[in-house]
Amino acid sequence: MGLTWLSSSISIVKGFSRLSSHHSRNHHWDVSKGHLAVYVGEEQKRRFVVPISYLEQPLFQKLLRHSEEEFGFDHPMGGLTFSCQEDVFNQLTAILHTF
């Protein structure tokens, strides 16, 4: 079951990568290898750079699925967008950082 989630998450990110390649031609991205940029917030979006190892974590995968349901691959910020409160995302990444 974990491999299915990981595979699903990777396909979501690959789809996003194809979409964002168009946007990245016109923007300078400061995302290190092994990381991905996400935008978080309910109204005002803030950019975070997170390790791709988070893709293996069920909590992060749940956020990915929710993002896919809400935005598909058409993210208004030109990057992967999570519609949740920043403090909730910060708590989630603090938990994930311990794994």
N, C-alpha and C. Protein backbone atom coordinates (compact mmCIF):
# COMPACT_ATOMS: atom_id res chain seq x y z
N MET A 1 0.82 -1.19 0.00
CA MET A 1 0.00 0.00 0.00
C MET A 1 0.87 1.25 0.00
N GLY A 2 1.99 1.25 0.75
CA GLY A 2 2.88 2.40 0.78
C GLY A 2 3.48 2.69 -0.57
N LEU A 3 3.83 1.65 -1.33
CA LEU A 3 4.40 1.85 -2.66
C LEU A 3 3.38 2.46 -3.61
N THR A 4 2.11 2.09 -3.45
CA THR A 4 1.07 2.66 -4.30
C THR A 4 0.95 4.15 -4.04
N TRP A 5 0.98 4.55 -2.76
CA TRP A 5 0.90 5.96 -2.42
C TRP A 5 2.10 6.71 -2.97
N LEU A 6 3.28 6.12 -2.81
CA LEU A 6 4.49 6.76 -3.30
C LEU A 6 4.43 6.91 -4.81
N SER A 7 4.01 5.86 -5.49
CA SER A 7 3.89 5.91 -6.94
C SER A 7 2.90 6.98 -7.37
N SER A 8 1.77 7.07 -6.67
CA SER A 8 0.76 8.08 -6.97
C SER A 8 1.32 9.48 -6.74
N SER A 9 2.04 9.66 -5.64
CA SER A 9 2.63 10.96 -5.33
C SER A 9 3.66 11.36 -6.36
N ILE A 10 4.47 10.40 -6.79
CA ILE A 10 5.49 10.69 -7.80
C ILE A 10 4.82 11.08 -9.11
N SER A 11 3.74 10.41 -9.49
CA SER A 11 3.07 10.77 -10.74
C SER A 11 2.46 12.16 -10.65
N ILE A 12 1.97 12.54 -9.48
CA ILE A 12 1.43 13.90 -9.29
C ILE A 12 2.54 14.92 -9.48
N VAL A 13 3.70 14.66 -8.86
CA VAL A 13 4.81 15.60 -8.97
C VAL A 13 5.34 15.64 -10.40
N LYS A 14 5.39 14.50 -11.10
CA LYS A 14 5.84 14.49 -12.49
C LYS A 14 4.90 15.32 -13.35
N GLY A 15 3.60 15.17 -13.13
CA GLY A 15 2.63 15.97 -13.88
C GLY A 15 2.82 17.44 -13.59
N PHE A 16 3.05 17.77 -12.33
CA PHE A 16 3.31 19.15 -11.96
C PHE A 16 4.59 19.65 -12.60
N SER A 17 5.61 18.80 -12.65
CA SER A 17 6.89 19.19 -13.24
C SER A 17 6.74 19.57 -14.70
N ARG A 18 5.93 18.80 -15.42
CA ARG A 18 5.69 19.14 -16.83
C ARG A 18 5.02 20.49 -16.94
N LEU A 19 4.04 20.75 -16.07
CA LEU A 19 3.35 22.02 -16.08
C LEU A 19 4.29 23.16 -15.70
N SER A 20 5.08 22.96 -14.65
CA SER A 20 5.92 24.04 -14.16
C SER A 20 7.13 24.30 -15.05
N SER A 21 7.48 23.37 -15.94
CA SER A 21 8.62 23.61 -16.82
C SER A 21 8.37 24.82 -17.70
N HIS A 22 7.11 25.02 -18.07
CA HIS A 22 6.75 26.21 -18.85
C HIS A 22 6.98 27.46 -18.02
N HIS A 23 6.54 27.43 -16.77
CA HIS A 23 6.69 28.59 -15.90
C HIS A 23 8.15 28.86 -15.55
N SER A 24 8.94 27.80 -15.37
CA SER A 24 10.32 27.98 -14.92
C SER A 24 11.22 28.58 -15.99
N ARG A 25 10.79 28.55 -17.24
CA ARG A 25 11.60 29.16 -18.29
C ARG A 25 11.72 30.67 -18.08
N ASN A 26 10.70 31.24 -17.44
CA ASN A 26 10.65 32.68 -17.26
C ASN A 26 10.99 33.13 -15.84
N HIS A 27 11.32 32.20 -14.96
CA HIS A 27 11.58 32.53 -13.57
C HIS A 27 12.86 31.86 -13.10
N HIS A 28 13.53 32.52 -12.17
CA HIS A 28 14.70 31.92 -11.55
C HIS A 28 14.22 31.17 -10.31
N TRP A 29 14.49 29.89 -10.26
CA TRP A 29 14.06 29.08 -9.12
C TRP A 29 15.27 28.75 -8.27
N ASP A 30 15.11 28.88 -6.97
CA ASP A 30 16.19 28.61 -6.03
C ASP A 30 15.96 27.30 -5.28
N VAL A 31 15.46 26.30 -5.99
CA VAL A 31 15.17 25.02 -5.37
C VAL A 31 16.35 24.09 -5.58
N SER A 32 16.94 23.66 -4.47
CA SER A 32 18.10 22.76 -4.54
C SER A 32 17.67 21.38 -5.01
N LYS A 33 18.62 20.66 -5.58
CA LYS A 33 18.37 19.29 -5.99
C LYS A 33 17.90 18.50 -4.77
N GLY A 34 16.87 17.68 -4.98
CA GLY A 34 16.32 16.89 -3.88
C GLY A 34 15.24 17.60 -3.10
N HIS A 35 14.79 18.75 -3.60
CA HIS A 35 13.75 19.54 -2.93
C HIS A 35 12.69 19.95 -3.94
N LEU A 36 11.54 20.41 -3.43
CA LEU A 36 10.53 20.98 -4.30
C LEU A 36 9.88 22.17 -3.62
N ALA A 37 9.43 23.10 -4.43
CA ALA A 37 8.78 24.30 -3.91
C ALA A 37 7.28 24.07 -3.84
N VAL A 38 6.67 24.54 -2.76
CA VAL A 38 5.23 24.48 -2.60
C VAL A 38 4.75 25.84 -2.10
N TYR A 39 3.50 26.15 -2.41
CA TYR A 39 2.88 27.37 -1.93
C TYR A 39 1.79 26.98 -0.96
N VAL A 40 1.77 27.66 0.20
CA VAL A 40 0.87 27.28 1.28
C VAL A 40 0.12 28.51 1.76
N GLY A 41 -1.16 28.33 2.00
CA GLY A 41 -1.99 29.38 2.56
C GLY A 41 -3.39 29.32 2.02
N GLU A 42 -4.32 29.85 2.79
CA GLU A 42 -5.70 29.82 2.36
C GLU A 42 -6.00 30.99 1.42
N GLU A 43 -5.49 32.15 1.74
CA GLU A 43 -5.68 33.31 0.86
C GLU A 43 -4.33 33.80 0.34
N GLN A 44 -3.49 34.26 1.23
CA GLN A 44 -2.15 34.72 0.87
C GLN A 44 -1.23 33.50 0.84
N LYS A 45 -0.63 33.22 -0.30
CA LYS A 45 0.21 32.04 -0.45
C LYS A 45 1.66 32.38 -0.13
N ARG A 46 2.31 31.52 0.66
CA ARG A 46 3.73 31.68 0.99
C ARG A 46 4.49 30.49 0.43
N ARG A 47 5.65 30.75 -0.10
CA ARG A 47 6.46 29.71 -0.74
C ARG A 47 7.37 29.03 0.27
N PHE A 48 7.36 27.69 0.24
CA PHE A 48 8.22 26.86 1.07
C PHE A 48 8.99 25.92 0.16
N VAL A 49 10.21 25.58 0.54
CA VAL A 49 10.99 24.58 -0.17
C VAL A 49 11.17 23.41 0.79
N VAL A 50 10.71 22.23 0.34
CA VAL A 50 10.72 21.04 1.21
C VAL A 50 11.48 19.91 0.54
N PRO A 51 12.05 19.00 1.32
CA PRO A 51 12.76 17.86 0.74
C PRO A 51 11.79 16.90 0.03
N ILE A 52 12.24 16.31 -1.06
CA ILE A 52 11.37 15.36 -1.76
C ILE A 52 11.13 14.10 -0.94
N SER A 53 11.92 13.87 0.09
CA SER A 53 11.69 12.71 0.96
C SER A 53 10.32 12.79 1.63
N TYR A 54 9.74 13.99 1.70
CA TYR A 54 8.39 14.13 2.27
C TYR A 54 7.36 13.38 1.43
N LEU A 55 7.66 13.12 0.16
CA LEU A 55 6.73 12.40 -0.70
C LEU A 55 6.44 10.99 -0.20
N GLU A 56 7.33 10.45 0.60
CA GLU A 56 7.15 9.10 1.14
C GLU A 56 6.25 9.09 2.37
N GLN A 57 5.97 10.25 2.92
CA GLN A 57 5.22 10.34 4.18
C GLN A 57 3.71 10.42 3.93
N PRO A 58 2.93 9.57 4.60
CA PRO A 58 1.48 9.55 4.40
C PRO A 58 0.80 10.91 4.64
N LEU A 59 1.26 11.67 5.63
CA LEU A 59 0.64 12.98 5.88
C LEU A 59 0.84 13.93 4.69
N PHE A 60 2.02 13.92 4.13
CA PHE A 60 2.30 14.78 2.97
C PHE A 60 1.53 14.28 1.75
N GLN A 61 1.42 12.97 1.61
CA GLN A 61 0.67 12.40 0.50
C GLN A 61 -0.80 12.80 0.57
N LYS A 62 -1.32 12.90 1.77
CA LYS A 62 -2.71 13.35 1.94
C LYS A 62 -2.86 14.78 1.44
N LEU A 63 -1.90 15.63 1.76
CA LEU A 63 -1.92 17.01 1.25
C LEU A 63 -1.83 17.03 -0.27
N LEU A 64 -1.00 16.17 -0.85
CA LEU A 64 -0.88 16.09 -2.31
C LEU A 64 -2.21 15.70 -2.96
N ARG A 65 -2.87 14.70 -2.38
CA ARG A 65 -4.15 14.27 -2.94
C ARG A 65 -5.20 15.37 -2.84
N HIS A 66 -5.20 16.07 -1.72
CA HIS A 66 -6.15 17.17 -1.55
C HIS A 66 -5.87 18.28 -2.56
N SER A 67 -4.60 18.58 -2.76
CA SER A 67 -4.20 19.60 -3.73
C SER A 67 -4.62 19.20 -5.14
N GLU A 68 -4.43 17.92 -5.47
CA GLU A 68 -4.82 17.44 -6.80
C GLU A 68 -6.33 17.56 -6.99
N GLU A 69 -7.11 17.22 -5.95
CA GLU A 69 -8.56 17.33 -6.04
C GLU A 69 -9.01 18.78 -6.21
N GLU A 70 -8.34 19.68 -5.50
CA GLU A 70 -8.75 21.08 -5.53
C GLU A 70 -8.25 21.82 -6.77
N PHE A 71 -7.00 21.60 -7.16
CA PHE A 71 -6.40 22.38 -8.24
C PHE A 71 -6.09 21.58 -9.50
N GLY A 72 -6.08 20.26 -9.42
CA GLY A 72 -5.60 19.46 -10.55
C GLY A 72 -4.13 19.79 -10.75
N PHE A 73 -3.72 19.98 -12.00
CA PHE A 73 -2.33 20.37 -12.25
C PHE A 73 -2.24 21.82 -12.69
N ASP A 74 -3.32 22.56 -12.54
CA ASP A 74 -3.34 23.98 -12.89
C ASP A 74 -3.24 24.80 -11.62
N HIS A 75 -2.03 24.96 -11.13
CA HIS A 75 -1.82 25.67 -9.88
C HIS A 75 -1.67 27.16 -10.14
N PRO A 76 -2.49 27.99 -9.49
CA PRO A 76 -2.51 29.41 -9.77
C PRO A 76 -1.19 30.14 -9.48
N MET A 77 -0.38 29.59 -8.59
CA MET A 77 0.88 30.24 -8.23
C MET A 77 2.03 29.81 -9.13
N GLY A 78 1.77 28.89 -10.07
CA GLY A 78 2.85 28.37 -10.90
C GLY A 78 3.68 27.33 -10.18
N GLY A 79 3.22 26.88 -9.05
CA GLY A 79 3.88 25.85 -8.28
C GLY A 79 2.85 25.04 -7.53
N LEU A 80 3.26 23.96 -6.94
CA LEU A 80 2.36 23.10 -6.19
C LEU A 80 1.76 23.90 -5.04
N THR A 81 0.43 23.92 -4.96
CA THR A 81 -0.27 24.77 -3.99
C THR A 81 -1.06 23.92 -3.01
N PHE A 82 -0.90 24.22 -1.72
CA PHE A 82 -1.67 23.59 -0.67
C PHE A 82 -2.55 24.65 -0.02
N SER A 83 -3.84 24.40 0.00
CA SER A 83 -4.77 25.35 0.60
C SER A 83 -4.99 24.97 2.06
N CYS A 84 -4.02 25.28 2.87
CA CYS A 84 -4.14 25.04 4.31
C CYS A 84 -3.44 26.20 5.03
N GLN A 85 -3.67 26.31 6.31
CA GLN A 85 -3.05 27.38 7.09
C GLN A 85 -1.56 27.14 7.22
N GLU A 86 -0.80 28.24 7.19
CA GLU A 86 0.67 28.13 7.29
C GLU A 86 1.11 27.45 8.57
N ASP A 87 0.46 27.79 9.69
CA ASP A 87 0.89 27.19 10.96
C ASP A 87 0.64 25.68 10.97
N VAL A 88 -0.41 25.22 10.32
CA VAL A 88 -0.67 23.79 10.21
C VAL A 88 0.41 23.13 9.35
N PHE A 89 0.77 23.78 8.24
CA PHE A 89 1.83 23.25 7.38
C PHE A 89 3.17 23.23 8.13
N ASN A 90 3.46 24.26 8.90
CA ASN A 90 4.69 24.30 9.69
C ASN A 90 4.72 23.18 10.71
N GLN A 91 3.59 22.89 11.36
CA GLN A 91 3.52 21.79 12.31
C GLN A 91 3.74 20.46 11.61
N LEU A 92 3.13 20.31 10.43
CA LEU A 92 3.29 19.07 9.66
C LEU A 92 4.75 18.87 9.26
N THR A 93 5.40 19.91 8.76
CA THR A 93 6.79 19.75 8.35
C THR A 93 7.71 19.51 9.55
N ALA A 94 7.37 20.06 10.71
CA ALA A 94 8.15 19.79 11.91
C ALA A 94 8.05 18.31 12.28
N ILE A 95 6.85 17.74 12.13
CA ILE A 95 6.66 16.32 12.40
C ILE A 95 7.43 15.50 11.38
N LEU A 96 7.30 15.84 10.10
CA LEU A 96 7.98 15.10 9.04
C LEU A 96 9.50 15.19 9.15
N HIS A 97 9.99 16.29 9.67
CA HIS A 97 11.43 16.48 9.80
C HIS A 97 12.04 15.47 10.78
N THR A 98 11.23 14.98 11.71
CA THR A 98 11.74 14.04 12.70
C THR A 98 11.88 12.62 12.14
N PHE A 99 11.26 12.34 10.99
CA PHE A 99 11.33 10.99 10.41
C PHE A 99 12.60 10.78 9.66
